[in-house]
Amino acid sequence: MTSCPIPDLRDDVAAVFATVPAAERVAMLALRQLIFEVAAETDGVGRLEETLKWGQPSYLTPDTRSGTTIRLGTAGADRIAVFTHCQTSVVSDFKELFPDDFSYDGGRGVYLPTGPDMPVDKLRVLIHRALTYHQA
């Protein structure tokens, strides 16, 4: 992953991360960092807002409205999830590219294991598509 300044966690978001088991928390925080990195590298995304939606850490593009919301969650022991709005094609398009690389929750979520071998390059594609969904 590249190096870019990642903002401190808001207190309410930090409180949610604090409730997540250690392995899942480490993976979710790595995804959080990746979301901010991809946003910083992508023209037209602008500032990210970190907030809670449905009690989950969520990332929006409020100034440019270039993307759809990305939410992070847990999906049982040793699995985390990346969710996007179910009425977008972000997850279904990603599934067409990587049908066997991940488990999917219909058109709204991608599940991945928490281990050290996070498929960063593939996840960059998912995050980029979510952050630029409305630019297409």
N, C-alpha and C. Protein backbone atom coordinates (compact mmCIF):
# COMPACT_ATOMS: atom_id res chain seq x y z
N MET A 1 0.84 -1.18 0.00
CA MET A 1 0.00 0.00 0.00
C MET A 1 0.89 1.24 0.00
N THR A 2 0.40 2.28 -0.64
CA THR A 2 1.15 3.52 -0.66
C THR A 2 0.93 4.27 0.63
N SER A 3 1.75 5.28 0.83
CA SER A 3 1.64 6.05 2.05
C SER A 3 0.90 7.36 1.78
N CYS A 4 -0.16 7.60 2.51
CA CYS A 4 -0.86 8.88 2.44
C CYS A 4 -1.39 9.15 3.84
N PRO A 5 -1.59 10.41 4.17
CA PRO A 5 -2.08 10.71 5.51
C PRO A 5 -3.50 10.19 5.70
N ILE A 6 -3.68 9.41 6.72
CA ILE A 6 -4.99 8.85 7.05
C ILE A 6 -5.51 9.61 8.26
N PRO A 7 -6.72 10.15 8.18
CA PRO A 7 -7.24 10.91 9.32
C PRO A 7 -7.45 10.01 10.55
N ASP A 8 -7.38 10.65 11.70
CA ASP A 8 -7.69 9.94 12.94
C ASP A 8 -9.14 9.48 12.91
N LEU A 9 -9.40 8.40 13.60
CA LEU A 9 -10.76 7.90 13.71
C LEU A 9 -11.61 8.87 14.53
N ARG A 10 -12.83 9.10 14.08
CA ARG A 10 -13.79 9.83 14.90
C ARG A 10 -14.12 8.97 16.10
N ASP A 11 -14.49 9.59 17.21
CA ASP A 11 -14.77 8.85 18.44
C ASP A 11 -15.86 7.80 18.26
N ASP A 12 -16.93 8.14 17.55
CA ASP A 12 -18.03 7.18 17.38
C ASP A 12 -17.61 6.00 16.50
N VAL A 13 -16.79 6.26 15.49
CA VAL A 13 -16.30 5.19 14.63
C VAL A 13 -15.29 4.34 15.38
N ALA A 14 -14.42 4.97 16.14
CA ALA A 14 -13.44 4.24 16.95
C ALA A 14 -14.14 3.32 17.94
N ALA A 15 -15.25 3.77 18.50
CA ALA A 15 -15.99 2.94 19.45
C ALA A 15 -16.52 1.68 18.78
N VAL A 16 -16.95 1.78 17.52
CA VAL A 16 -17.41 0.60 16.79
C VAL A 16 -16.25 -0.34 16.51
N PHE A 17 -15.13 0.19 16.03
CA PHE A 17 -13.96 -0.65 15.78
C PHE A 17 -13.52 -1.36 17.07
N ALA A 18 -13.65 -0.69 18.20
CA ALA A 18 -13.22 -1.28 19.47
C ALA A 18 -14.05 -2.50 19.86
N THR A 19 -15.25 -2.63 19.33
CA THR A 19 -16.11 -3.77 19.65
C THR A 19 -15.84 -4.99 18.77
N VAL A 20 -15.05 -4.80 17.73
CA VAL A 20 -14.79 -5.87 16.76
C VAL A 20 -13.63 -6.73 17.26
N PRO A 21 -13.74 -8.06 17.15
CA PRO A 21 -12.62 -8.92 17.55
C PRO A 21 -11.32 -8.53 16.85
N ALA A 22 -10.20 -8.81 17.50
CA ALA A 22 -8.90 -8.30 17.06
C ALA A 22 -8.56 -8.60 15.60
N ALA A 23 -8.70 -9.84 15.16
CA ALA A 23 -8.32 -10.18 13.78
C ALA A 23 -9.17 -9.42 12.77
N GLU A 24 -10.46 -9.33 13.03
CA GLU A 24 -11.35 -8.61 12.13
C GLU A 24 -11.07 -7.11 12.17
N ARG A 25 -10.77 -6.59 13.36
CA ARG A 25 -10.46 -5.16 13.50
C ARG A 25 -9.22 -4.79 12.69
N VAL A 26 -8.17 -5.60 12.78
CA VAL A 26 -6.93 -5.33 12.03
C VAL A 26 -7.23 -5.28 10.53
N ALA A 27 -8.00 -6.25 10.05
CA ALA A 27 -8.33 -6.30 8.62
C ALA A 27 -9.21 -5.11 8.22
N MET A 28 -10.18 -4.77 9.06
CA MET A 28 -11.05 -3.63 8.74
C MET A 28 -10.28 -2.33 8.74
N LEU A 29 -9.34 -2.16 9.66
CA LEU A 29 -8.53 -0.94 9.68
C LEU A 29 -7.60 -0.88 8.47
N ALA A 30 -7.12 -2.03 8.00
CA ALA A 30 -6.32 -2.06 6.78
C ALA A 30 -7.18 -1.65 5.57
N LEU A 31 -8.42 -2.11 5.54
CA LEU A 31 -9.34 -1.69 4.47
C LEU A 31 -9.64 -0.21 4.55
N ARG A 32 -9.82 0.29 5.76
CA ARG A 32 -10.04 1.73 5.94
C ARG A 32 -8.89 2.51 5.34
N GLN A 33 -7.67 2.10 5.65
CA GLN A 33 -6.50 2.78 5.09
C GLN A 33 -6.50 2.70 3.57
N LEU A 34 -6.83 1.54 3.02
CA LEU A 34 -6.86 1.37 1.58
C LEU A 34 -7.91 2.28 0.94
N ILE A 35 -9.06 2.43 1.57
CA ILE A 35 -10.11 3.32 1.04
C ILE A 35 -9.58 4.75 0.95
N PHE A 36 -8.94 5.24 2.01
CA PHE A 36 -8.39 6.59 1.97
C PHE A 36 -7.29 6.73 0.94
N GLU A 37 -6.46 5.70 0.78
CA GLU A 37 -5.39 5.74 -0.21
C GLU A 37 -5.94 5.79 -1.63
N VAL A 38 -6.90 4.93 -1.93
CA VAL A 38 -7.49 4.92 -3.27
C VAL A 38 -8.19 6.26 -3.54
N ALA A 39 -8.87 6.79 -2.56
CA ALA A 39 -9.52 8.09 -2.74
C ALA A 39 -8.51 9.17 -3.05
N ALA A 40 -7.38 9.17 -2.35
CA ALA A 40 -6.35 10.19 -2.56
C ALA A 40 -5.72 10.07 -3.94
N GLU A 41 -5.66 8.86 -4.47
CA GLU A 41 -5.02 8.61 -5.76
C GLU A 41 -5.96 8.80 -6.95
N THR A 42 -7.24 8.98 -6.70
CA THR A 42 -8.24 8.98 -7.77
C THR A 42 -8.77 10.38 -8.02
N ASP A 43 -8.59 10.86 -9.24
CA ASP A 43 -9.09 12.17 -9.62
C ASP A 43 -10.61 12.21 -9.49
N GLY A 44 -11.10 13.34 -9.01
CA GLY A 44 -12.52 13.58 -8.95
C GLY A 44 -13.25 13.07 -7.73
N VAL A 45 -12.55 12.36 -6.84
CA VAL A 45 -13.21 11.82 -5.66
C VAL A 45 -13.35 12.88 -4.58
N GLY A 46 -12.31 13.63 -4.35
CA GLY A 46 -12.36 14.67 -3.33
C GLY A 46 -12.29 14.11 -1.92
N ARG A 47 -12.76 14.90 -0.99
CA ARG A 47 -12.70 14.57 0.44
C ARG A 47 -13.62 13.40 0.75
N LEU A 48 -13.11 12.52 1.60
CA LEU A 48 -13.94 11.43 2.11
C LEU A 48 -14.51 11.82 3.47
N GLU A 49 -15.72 11.44 3.71
CA GLU A 49 -16.32 11.60 5.02
C GLU A 49 -16.46 10.22 5.64
N GLU A 50 -15.96 10.08 6.86
CA GLU A 50 -16.09 8.84 7.60
C GLU A 50 -17.21 9.03 8.61
N THR A 51 -18.15 8.12 8.62
CA THR A 51 -19.29 8.23 9.50
C THR A 51 -19.79 6.83 9.83
N LEU A 52 -20.90 6.74 10.51
CA LEU A 52 -21.54 5.45 10.76
C LEU A 52 -22.86 5.41 10.02
N LYS A 53 -23.09 4.32 9.31
CA LYS A 53 -24.39 4.05 8.69
C LYS A 53 -24.75 2.63 9.09
N TRP A 54 -25.95 2.46 9.59
CA TRP A 54 -26.40 1.16 10.09
C TRP A 54 -25.41 0.60 11.10
N GLY A 55 -24.77 1.49 11.86
CA GLY A 55 -23.83 1.08 12.89
C GLY A 55 -22.49 0.59 12.38
N GLN A 56 -22.21 0.81 11.09
CA GLN A 56 -20.97 0.34 10.50
C GLN A 56 -20.13 1.53 10.00
N PRO A 57 -18.80 1.42 10.11
CA PRO A 57 -17.94 2.45 9.54
C PRO A 57 -18.24 2.59 8.05
N SER A 58 -18.47 3.84 7.62
CA SER A 58 -18.90 4.11 6.26
C SER A 58 -18.12 5.29 5.68
N TYR A 59 -17.94 5.26 4.36
CA TYR A 59 -17.10 6.24 3.67
C TYR A 59 -17.87 6.78 2.49
N LEU A 60 -18.00 8.13 2.46
CA LEU A 60 -18.79 8.81 1.46
C LEU A 60 -17.96 9.89 0.78
N THR A 61 -18.41 10.32 -0.40
CA THR A 61 -17.78 11.42 -1.13
C THR A 61 -18.76 12.60 -1.15
N PRO A 62 -18.90 13.32 -0.04
CA PRO A 62 -19.97 14.31 0.08
C PRO A 62 -19.80 15.55 -0.80
N ASP A 63 -18.58 15.95 -1.08
CA ASP A 63 -18.38 17.17 -1.86
C ASP A 63 -18.59 16.94 -3.35
N THR A 64 -18.04 15.85 -3.88
CA THR A 64 -18.13 15.57 -5.31
C THR A 64 -19.29 14.66 -5.66
N ARG A 65 -19.75 13.89 -4.69
CA ARG A 65 -20.79 12.89 -4.91
C ARG A 65 -20.41 11.93 -6.05
N SER A 66 -19.12 11.68 -6.16
CA SER A 66 -18.60 10.82 -7.23
C SER A 66 -18.89 9.34 -7.00
N GLY A 67 -19.11 8.96 -5.75
CA GLY A 67 -19.23 7.53 -5.47
C GLY A 67 -20.45 7.17 -4.67
N THR A 68 -20.55 5.88 -4.43
CA THR A 68 -21.58 5.34 -3.56
C THR A 68 -20.92 5.01 -2.22
N THR A 69 -21.70 4.95 -1.19
CA THR A 69 -21.18 4.69 0.15
C THR A 69 -20.54 3.30 0.23
N ILE A 70 -19.39 3.25 0.90
CA ILE A 70 -18.72 2.00 1.20
C ILE A 70 -18.86 1.78 2.70
N ARG A 71 -19.35 0.59 3.09
CA ARG A 71 -19.46 0.26 4.51
C ARG A 71 -18.60 -0.95 4.80
N LEU A 72 -18.03 -0.99 6.00
CA LEU A 72 -17.22 -2.11 6.45
C LEU A 72 -17.93 -2.82 7.58
N GLY A 73 -17.89 -4.13 7.56
CA GLY A 73 -18.54 -4.90 8.62
C GLY A 73 -17.87 -6.23 8.82
N THR A 74 -18.33 -6.94 9.83
CA THR A 74 -17.85 -8.29 10.08
C THR A 74 -18.84 -9.27 9.45
N ALA A 75 -18.36 -10.48 9.23
CA ALA A 75 -19.21 -11.50 8.61
C ALA A 75 -18.92 -12.85 9.24
N GLY A 76 -18.96 -12.88 10.55
CA GLY A 76 -18.65 -14.11 11.27
C GLY A 76 -17.17 -14.17 11.63
N ALA A 77 -16.78 -15.27 12.21
CA ALA A 77 -15.40 -15.43 12.66
C ALA A 77 -14.44 -15.42 11.47
N ASP A 78 -13.42 -14.61 11.60
CA ASP A 78 -12.33 -14.54 10.62
C ASP A 78 -12.77 -14.09 9.23
N ARG A 79 -13.88 -13.36 9.15
CA ARG A 79 -14.31 -12.78 7.86
C ARG A 79 -14.80 -11.37 8.08
N ILE A 80 -14.51 -10.54 7.11
CA ILE A 80 -15.03 -9.17 7.11
C ILE A 80 -15.77 -8.96 5.80
N ALA A 81 -16.48 -7.84 5.72
CA ALA A 81 -17.27 -7.56 4.53
C ALA A 81 -17.10 -6.11 4.11
N VAL A 82 -17.17 -5.90 2.81
CA VAL A 82 -17.25 -4.58 2.22
C VAL A 82 -18.62 -4.52 1.56
N PHE A 83 -19.42 -3.53 1.95
CA PHE A 83 -20.77 -3.38 1.41
C PHE A 83 -20.88 -2.09 0.61
N THR A 84 -21.67 -2.14 -0.45
CA THR A 84 -22.07 -0.94 -1.19
C THR A 84 -23.59 -0.97 -1.30
N HIS A 85 -24.15 0.10 -1.80
CA HIS A 85 -25.60 0.17 -1.93
C HIS A 85 -26.07 -0.93 -2.87
N CYS A 86 -27.12 -1.63 -2.47
CA CYS A 86 -27.59 -2.80 -3.24
C CYS A 86 -28.19 -2.43 -4.59
N GLN A 87 -28.52 -1.16 -4.80
CA GLN A 87 -29.10 -0.77 -6.09
C GLN A 87 -28.04 -0.26 -7.07
N THR A 88 -26.77 -0.38 -6.69
CA THR A 88 -25.70 -0.07 -7.64
C THR A 88 -25.22 -1.39 -8.26
N SER A 89 -24.38 -1.27 -9.27
CA SER A 89 -23.82 -2.46 -9.91
C SER A 89 -22.38 -2.71 -9.46
N VAL A 90 -21.93 -2.02 -8.42
CA VAL A 90 -20.54 -2.12 -7.99
C VAL A 90 -20.15 -3.56 -7.68
N VAL A 91 -20.91 -4.22 -6.82
CA VAL A 91 -20.56 -5.58 -6.41
C VAL A 91 -20.78 -6.57 -7.55
N SER A 92 -21.86 -6.45 -8.28
CA SER A 92 -22.11 -7.40 -9.38
C SER A 92 -21.05 -7.26 -10.47
N ASP A 93 -20.61 -6.03 -10.76
CA ASP A 93 -19.52 -5.83 -11.74
C ASP A 93 -18.22 -6.43 -11.23
N PHE A 94 -17.95 -6.26 -9.94
CA PHE A 94 -16.75 -6.82 -9.33
C PHE A 94 -16.79 -8.35 -9.38
N LYS A 95 -17.96 -8.91 -9.12
CA LYS A 95 -18.12 -10.36 -9.15
C LYS A 95 -17.86 -10.90 -10.55
N GLU A 96 -18.21 -10.15 -11.59
CA GLU A 96 -17.91 -10.59 -12.96
C GLU A 96 -16.41 -10.66 -13.19
N LEU A 97 -15.66 -9.75 -12.59
CA LEU A 97 -14.20 -9.75 -12.75
C LEU A 97 -13.54 -10.85 -11.92
N PHE A 98 -14.05 -11.09 -10.73
CA PHE A 98 -13.43 -12.02 -9.78
C PHE A 98 -14.47 -12.98 -9.21
N PRO A 99 -15.07 -13.82 -10.05
CA PRO A 99 -16.19 -14.66 -9.58
C PRO A 99 -15.81 -15.69 -8.52
N ASP A 100 -14.59 -16.16 -8.53
CA ASP A 100 -14.20 -17.22 -7.62
C ASP A 100 -13.23 -16.79 -6.53
N ASP A 101 -12.91 -15.51 -6.50
CA ASP A 101 -11.90 -15.02 -5.57
C ASP A 101 -12.47 -14.62 -4.21
N PHE A 102 -13.77 -14.39 -4.15
CA PHE A 102 -14.42 -13.91 -2.94
C PHE A 102 -15.76 -14.60 -2.79
N SER A 103 -16.34 -14.48 -1.60
CA SER A 103 -17.73 -14.85 -1.38
C SER A 103 -18.53 -13.56 -1.48
N TYR A 104 -19.76 -13.67 -1.96
CA TYR A 104 -20.57 -12.48 -2.20
C TYR A 104 -21.91 -12.57 -1.49
N ASP A 105 -22.44 -11.42 -1.14
CA ASP A 105 -23.77 -11.30 -0.57
C ASP A 105 -24.62 -10.58 -1.61
N GLY A 106 -25.13 -11.34 -2.57
CA GLY A 106 -25.93 -10.74 -3.63
C GLY A 106 -25.19 -9.61 -4.31
N GLY A 107 -25.90 -8.51 -4.53
CA GLY A 107 -25.31 -7.34 -5.17
C GLY A 107 -24.88 -6.28 -4.19
N ARG A 108 -24.72 -6.65 -2.92
CA ARG A 108 -24.39 -5.61 -1.94
C ARG A 108 -23.10 -5.83 -1.19
N GLY A 109 -22.56 -7.05 -1.15
CA GLY A 109 -21.41 -7.27 -0.29
C GLY A 109 -20.39 -8.24 -0.84
N VAL A 110 -19.14 -8.00 -0.42
CA VAL A 110 -18.02 -8.87 -0.73
C VAL A 110 -17.42 -9.31 0.60
N TYR A 111 -17.28 -10.62 0.79
CA TYR A 111 -16.71 -11.16 2.01
C TYR A 111 -15.27 -11.58 1.75
N LEU A 112 -14.42 -11.35 2.72
CA LEU A 112 -13.03 -11.78 2.59
C LEU A 112 -12.49 -12.21 3.93
N PRO A 113 -11.52 -13.13 3.91
CA PRO A 113 -10.92 -13.60 5.16
C PRO A 113 -10.02 -12.52 5.76
N THR A 114 -9.72 -12.68 7.03
CA THR A 114 -8.95 -11.65 7.74
C THR A 114 -7.45 -11.86 7.72
N GLY A 115 -6.96 -12.92 7.12
CA GLY A 115 -5.53 -13.24 7.17
C GLY A 115 -4.63 -12.19 6.56
N PRO A 116 -3.33 -12.45 6.62
CA PRO A 116 -2.34 -11.47 6.17
C PRO A 116 -2.26 -11.32 4.66
N ASP A 117 -2.90 -12.20 3.92
CA ASP A 117 -2.81 -12.17 2.46
C ASP A 117 -3.99 -11.45 1.83
N MET A 118 -4.33 -10.27 2.33
CA MET A 118 -5.43 -9.51 1.78
C MET A 118 -5.13 -9.19 0.31
N PRO A 119 -6.06 -9.50 -0.60
CA PRO A 119 -5.82 -9.26 -2.03
C PRO A 119 -5.97 -7.77 -2.37
N VAL A 120 -4.98 -6.99 -1.99
CA VAL A 120 -5.04 -5.54 -2.08
C VAL A 120 -5.32 -5.05 -3.50
N ASP A 121 -4.65 -5.62 -4.49
CA ASP A 121 -4.85 -5.14 -5.87
C ASP A 121 -6.29 -5.32 -6.33
N LYS A 122 -6.89 -6.44 -5.99
CA LYS A 122 -8.29 -6.68 -6.37
C LYS A 122 -9.22 -5.77 -5.59
N LEU A 123 -8.94 -5.58 -4.32
CA LEU A 123 -9.78 -4.69 -3.50
C LEU A 123 -9.68 -3.24 -3.95
N ARG A 124 -8.52 -2.85 -4.48
CA ARG A 124 -8.39 -1.50 -5.04
C ARG A 124 -9.41 -1.29 -6.17
N VAL A 125 -9.62 -2.32 -6.98
CA VAL A 125 -10.59 -2.23 -8.07
C VAL A 125 -11.98 -1.99 -7.50
N LEU A 126 -12.37 -2.76 -6.50
CA LEU A 126 -13.68 -2.61 -5.87
C LEU A 126 -13.85 -1.21 -5.29
N ILE A 127 -12.87 -0.76 -4.55
CA ILE A 127 -12.95 0.55 -3.90
C ILE A 127 -12.99 1.67 -4.93
N HIS A 128 -12.15 1.58 -5.94
CA HIS A 128 -12.13 2.59 -7.01
C HIS A 128 -13.50 2.68 -7.68
N ARG A 129 -14.07 1.53 -8.00
CA ARG A 129 -15.38 1.53 -8.66
C ARG A 129 -16.47 2.13 -7.76
N ALA A 130 -16.40 1.85 -6.47
CA ALA A 130 -17.39 2.43 -5.56
C ALA A 130 -17.21 3.94 -5.44
N LEU A 131 -15.96 4.39 -5.33
CA LEU A 131 -15.69 5.82 -5.15
C LEU A 131 -15.97 6.64 -6.40
N THR A 132 -16.05 5.99 -7.56
CA THR A 132 -16.28 6.71 -8.83
C THR A 132 -17.57 6.27 -9.50
N TYR A 133 -18.43 5.59 -8.80
CA TYR A 133 -19.64 5.00 -9.37
C TYR A 133 -20.48 6.02 -10.15
N HIS A 134 -20.62 7.22 -9.65
CA HIS A 134 -21.46 8.22 -10.30
C HIS A 134 -20.73 9.02 -11.37
N GLN A 135 -19.47 8.74 -11.58
CA GLN A 135 -18.70 9.41 -12.64
C GLN A 135 -18.87 8.72 -13.99
N ALA A 136 -19.32 7.49 -13.98
CA ALA A 136 -19.40 6.70 -15.22
C ALA A 136 -20.48 7.22 -16.16
